[in-house]
Amino acid sequence: MTTSLTLSSPFQFSTAEAAKSGFSISGTTGCGKTVTAFRCVRQLQEAGATIFIFDPSQAWVEDYPINYIVRFGQNLTDGALSAGINAVQVKDCILDVSSLTTLQFQEVADKFCWLLFNLQTRIPKEERRQMYVIFEEAHIVLPEGSMKAKRLQNIVRLATVGRNFKIRVGVITQFASMIDKSIIRFAGQRFFGWTDEYNDVTRISTMIGKDAAESLKYYKTGEFYYYCPALSIEEKIKVEPFRK
């Protein structure tokens, strides 16, 4: 496995590997996580995938060119959620959950994953489209220990066996230590951006080693440590600005 801690290579992202195992992006505010996610999602769209993005911060609503947006208010109903699911079956969608409480966000996400999973099971295997469910600020909906929580088992099922039905998960978080460690380890491609937070560095060091994790303290905006063990890639990359 090749490792580069000082030299930056161009942006890297494998849509083939994403279809197998999803992806994760972590780093402190301002390091370029969302811009990196924009690049990943654009490549997935170009490969023909359908994208569903849970956006609690409105970062995607404001800056990414997906025109179909479902906004959830605090007065949630199953009918409203089902209507939103039905509407996005044929198009990319941003699900604006910025008005919801944490528990409501988790409720919507889990129900969405259940409905999407069951939708795909009813479609003949050869007719299924590749789909991705992406969680911005994923530590809110999938905090440490949540993969064992009964109320989130539909998200767990999507993350663990969704591949069999052409559904994969992407997660973006400011806090690598606060998100459930399993969801990051499921991801075959991981992007680690600037952070000097002790707990985050400690968590990340279990995946890429102490020296590489410590080096994140010196990364600049747009620099990420790209780790893809399936492709034997472990190196520092540069993510150029991406806008609509």
Protein backbone atom coordinates (compact mmCIF):
# COMPACT_ATOMS: atom_id res chain seq x y z
CA MET A 1 0.00 0.00 0.00
CA THR A 2 1.42 3.38 -1.00
CA THR A 3 1.45 6.25 1.46
CA SER A 4 2.22 9.94 0.89
CA LEU A 5 2.07 12.36 3.80
CA THR A 6 3.65 15.39 2.16
CA LEU A 7 2.77 15.47 -1.53
CA SER A 8 -0.77 16.01 -2.81
CA SER A 9 -2.19 14.00 -5.69
CA PRO A 10 -5.26 14.97 -7.74
CA PHE A 11 -8.75 14.21 -6.46
CA GLN A 12 -9.58 10.52 -6.40
CA PHE A 13 -12.91 8.76 -6.16
CA SER A 14 -14.01 5.39 -7.52
CA THR A 15 -17.69 5.08 -8.45
CA ALA A 16 -17.24 1.31 -8.79
CA GLU A 17 -15.96 1.02 -5.22
CA ALA A 18 -18.70 3.39 -4.00
CA ALA A 19 -21.29 1.00 -5.43
CA LYS A 20 -19.73 -1.81 -3.39
CA SER A 21 -19.16 -0.09 -0.07
CA GLY A 22 -20.22 3.57 0.00
CA PHE A 23 -17.96 6.35 1.28
CA SER A 24 -17.28 8.63 4.24
CA ILE A 25 -15.88 12.15 4.63
CA SER A 26 -14.75 13.73 7.89
CA GLY A 27 -12.99 16.91 9.01
CA THR A 28 -13.42 20.14 10.93
CA THR A 29 -15.63 22.99 9.70
CA GLY A 30 -14.07 24.77 6.75
CA CYS A 31 -11.76 21.94 5.65
CA GLY A 32 -13.75 21.30 2.45
CA LYS A 33 -15.91 18.30 3.38
CA THR A 34 -19.03 19.44 1.56
CA VAL A 35 -17.11 20.49 -1.55
CA THR A 36 -15.50 17.04 -1.56
CA ALA A 37 -18.94 15.48 -1.22
CA PHE A 38 -20.16 17.61 -4.14
CA ARG A 39 -17.38 16.13 -6.29
CA CYS A 40 -18.24 12.58 -5.25
CA VAL A 41 -21.96 13.05 -5.87
CA ARG A 42 -21.38 14.64 -9.26
CA GLN A 43 -19.37 11.60 -10.35
CA LEU A 44 -22.06 9.26 -9.05
CA GLN A 45 -24.71 11.19 -11.00
CA GLU A 46 -22.59 11.04 -14.14
CA ALA A 47 -22.38 7.27 -13.64
CA GLY A 48 -26.20 7.12 -13.67
CA ALA A 49 -26.93 6.79 -9.94
CA THR A 50 -29.92 8.30 -8.15
CA ILE A 51 -28.99 10.44 -5.14
CA PHE A 52 -30.92 11.17 -1.93
CA ILE A 53 -29.27 13.67 0.42
CA PHE A 54 -30.36 14.31 3.99
CA ASP A 55 -29.40 17.93 4.63
CA PRO A 56 -29.78 19.27 8.19
CA SER A 57 -27.55 22.30 7.54
CA GLN A 58 -28.98 23.48 4.17
CA ALA A 59 -25.49 23.31 2.67
CA TRP A 60 -26.82 21.28 -0.24
CA VAL A 61 -30.04 23.26 -0.58
CA GLU A 62 -28.03 26.44 -1.08
CA ASP A 63 -25.07 25.27 -3.16
CA TYR A 64 -25.67 22.01 -5.03
CA PRO A 65 -27.62 21.88 -8.32
CA ILE A 66 -30.39 19.43 -7.48
CA ASN A 67 -33.67 21.14 -8.18
CA TYR A 68 -36.01 18.75 -6.40
CA ILE A 69 -36.14 19.50 -2.67
CA VAL A 70 -38.47 17.97 -0.06
CA ARG A 71 -38.74 20.12 3.06
CA PHE A 72 -39.91 18.54 6.28
CA GLY A 73 -41.63 20.59 8.94
CA GLN A 74 -41.88 19.66 12.60
CA ASN A 75 -45.46 18.48 12.18
CA LEU A 76 -44.45 15.19 10.63
CA THR A 77 -47.00 12.77 9.26
CA ASP A 78 -46.53 9.37 7.65
CA GLY A 79 -48.51 10.67 4.68
CA ALA A 80 -46.10 13.55 4.12
CA LEU A 81 -43.10 11.24 4.33
CA SER A 82 -44.65 8.70 1.96
CA ALA A 83 -45.54 11.48 -0.48
CA GLY A 84 -41.96 12.67 -0.41
CA ILE A 85 -40.65 9.16 -1.02
CA ASN A 86 -43.04 8.58 -3.92
CA ALA A 87 -42.11 11.88 -5.50
CA VAL A 88 -38.39 11.18 -5.53
CA GLN A 89 -38.48 7.68 -6.94
CA VAL A 90 -37.45 8.92 -10.37
CA LYS A 91 -35.18 11.84 -9.58
CA ASP A 92 -32.33 13.03 -7.40
CA CYS A 93 -33.54 14.75 -4.27
CA ILE A 94 -32.38 16.83 -1.33
CA LEU A 95 -34.33 16.16 1.86
CA ASP A 96 -34.20 19.35 3.92
CA VAL A 97 -34.47 18.24 7.55
CA SER A 98 -33.06 21.45 9.03
CA SER A 99 -36.33 22.22 10.85
CA LEU A 100 -36.48 18.86 12.61
CA THR A 101 -35.32 17.86 16.05
CA THR A 102 -32.64 15.18 16.28
CA LEU A 103 -35.21 12.50 17.09
CA GLN A 104 -37.41 13.60 14.19
CA PHE A 105 -34.41 13.55 11.85
CA GLN A 106 -33.68 9.98 12.94
CA GLU A 107 -37.34 9.01 12.54
CA VAL A 108 -37.55 10.41 9.02
CA ALA A 109 -34.25 8.85 7.99
CA ASP A 110 -35.16 5.41 9.32
CA LYS A 111 -38.59 5.43 7.67
CA PHE A 112 -37.07 6.66 4.44
CA CYS A 113 -34.55 3.82 4.45
CA TRP A 114 -37.33 1.31 5.09
CA LEU A 115 -39.46 2.61 2.22
CA LEU A 116 -36.53 2.84 -0.19
CA PHE A 117 -35.33 -0.66 0.67
CA ASN A 118 -38.79 -2.11 0.10
CA LEU A 119 -39.16 -0.18 -3.14
CA GLN A 120 -35.98 -1.76 -4.48
CA THR A 121 -36.98 -5.28 -3.39
CA ARG A 122 -40.09 -5.04 -5.57
CA ILE A 123 -38.12 -4.10 -8.68
CA PRO A 124 -36.63 -6.95 -10.74
CA LYS A 125 -32.89 -7.21 -10.11
CA GLU A 126 -31.94 -6.37 -13.68
CA GLU A 127 -34.07 -3.19 -13.63
CA ARG A 128 -32.80 -1.66 -10.38
CA ARG A 129 -30.96 1.64 -10.56
CA GLN A 130 -27.98 2.33 -8.34
CA MET A 131 -29.05 4.54 -5.44
CA TYR A 132 -27.21 6.38 -2.68
CA VAL A 133 -28.51 7.74 0.60
CA ILE A 134 -26.13 10.44 1.84
CA PHE A 135 -26.18 11.92 5.32
CA GLU A 136 -24.72 15.39 5.81
CA GLU A 137 -23.77 16.00 9.48
CA ALA A 138 -24.12 12.24 9.91
CA HIS A 139 -23.12 12.30 13.58
CA ILE A 140 -26.58 13.76 14.28
CA VAL A 141 -28.49 10.81 12.88
CA LEU A 142 -25.85 8.12 13.53
CA PRO A 143 -24.07 8.97 16.80
CA GLU A 144 -21.73 6.50 18.49
CA GLY A 145 -23.60 3.32 19.43
CA SER A 146 -26.59 4.06 17.19
CA MET A 147 -25.94 1.10 14.89
CA LYS A 148 -27.11 -1.06 17.80
CA ALA A 149 -30.24 0.99 18.45
CA LYS A 150 -33.51 -0.72 17.56
CA ARG A 151 -35.12 2.52 16.37
CA LEU A 152 -32.51 2.86 13.60
CA GLN A 153 -32.43 -0.71 12.36
CA ASN A 154 -33.67 0.23 8.89
CA ILE A 155 -30.66 2.50 8.44
CA VAL A 156 -28.46 -0.32 9.73
CA ARG A 157 -30.01 -2.73 7.25
CA LEU A 158 -29.44 -0.29 4.40
CA ALA A 159 -25.82 0.20 5.43
CA THR A 160 -25.10 -3.49 5.85
CA VAL A 161 -27.08 -5.32 3.14
CA GLY A 162 -28.22 -2.49 0.86
CA ARG A 163 -25.57 -3.47 -1.65
CA ASN A 164 -27.65 -6.54 -2.54
CA PHE A 165 -30.36 -4.15 -3.75
CA LYS A 166 -28.09 -1.51 -5.33
CA ILE A 167 -28.32 0.95 -2.43
CA ARG A 168 -25.24 2.37 -0.73
CA VAL A 169 -24.67 4.93 2.02
CA GLY A 170 -22.42 8.00 2.16
CA VAL A 171 -21.70 9.90 5.38
CA ILE A 172 -20.23 13.36 6.01
CA THR A 173 -19.31 14.49 9.51
CA GLN A 174 -17.37 17.15 11.38
CA PHE A 175 -16.64 14.75 14.21
CA ALA A 176 -15.13 11.36 13.40
CA SER A 177 -15.24 10.40 17.08
CA MET A 178 -18.94 11.16 17.48
CA ILE A 179 -20.29 9.13 14.57
CA ASP A 180 -20.80 5.40 15.02
CA LYS A 181 -17.46 3.77 14.21
CA SER A 182 -19.14 0.95 12.26
CA ILE A 183 -20.60 3.28 9.61
CA ILE A 184 -17.14 4.64 8.81
CA ARG A 185 -15.58 1.21 8.74
CA PHE A 186 -18.26 -0.01 6.31
CA ALA A 187 -17.15 2.69 3.88
CA GLY A 188 -14.60 1.40 1.39
CA GLN A 189 -13.49 4.94 0.57
CA ARG A 190 -12.71 7.38 3.38
CA PHE A 191 -11.68 11.02 3.14
CA PHE A 192 -10.07 12.54 6.25
CA GLY A 193 -9.66 16.33 6.31
CA TRP A 194 -8.08 18.81 8.71
CA THR A 195 -8.69 18.23 12.40
CA ASP A 196 -6.74 18.77 15.60
CA GLU A 197 -9.48 17.50 17.90
CA TYR A 198 -7.89 14.87 20.15
CA ASN A 199 -10.77 12.38 20.12
CA ASP A 200 -11.13 12.59 16.35
CA VAL A 201 -7.40 12.10 15.77
CA THR A 202 -7.44 9.14 18.15
CA ARG A 203 -10.38 7.51 16.35
CA ILE A 204 -8.87 8.12 12.91
CA SER A 205 -5.50 6.71 14.00
CA THR A 206 -7.15 3.29 14.41
CA MET A 207 -7.89 3.34 10.69
CA ILE A 208 -4.89 5.00 9.03
CA GLY A 209 -2.25 4.88 11.74
CA LYS A 210 -1.00 7.41 14.28
CA ASP A 211 1.44 9.28 12.03
CA ALA A 212 -1.10 9.81 9.25
CA ALA A 213 -3.81 10.86 11.71
CA GLU A 214 -1.47 13.30 13.48
CA SER A 215 -0.52 14.83 10.12
CA LEU A 216 -4.14 15.95 9.60
CA LYS A 217 -3.43 18.82 12.02
CA TYR A 218 -1.33 20.44 9.31
CA TYR A 219 -3.65 19.97 6.34
CA LYS A 220 -4.98 23.00 4.49
CA THR A 221 -8.50 23.55 3.19
CA GLY A 222 -9.14 21.12 0.35
CA GLU A 223 -6.48 18.62 1.42
CA PHE A 224 -7.64 15.15 2.43
CA TYR A 225 -6.13 11.84 3.33
CA TYR A 226 -7.75 9.39 0.93
CA TYR A 227 -7.94 5.82 2.20
CA CYS A 228 -9.25 3.04 -0.05
CA PRO A 229 -7.90 -0.33 1.10
CA ALA A 230 -9.77 -2.28 -1.58
CA LEU A 231 -7.75 -0.44 -4.23
CA SER A 232 -4.56 -0.31 -2.13
CA ILE A 233 -4.59 3.49 -2.08
CA GLU A 234 -3.62 5.53 0.95
CA GLU A 235 -2.42 9.02 0.09
CA LYS A 236 -2.91 12.74 0.46
CA ILE A 237 -5.06 14.35 -2.23
CA LYS A 238 -6.07 17.86 -3.24
CA VAL A 239 -9.73 18.71 -3.81
CA GLU A 240 -10.18 21.74 -6.04
CA PRO A 241 -13.22 24.00 -5.56
CA PHE A 242 -16.41 22.66 -7.09
CA ARG A 243 -19.50 24.75 -7.60
CA LYS A 244 -22.58 24.59 -9.77
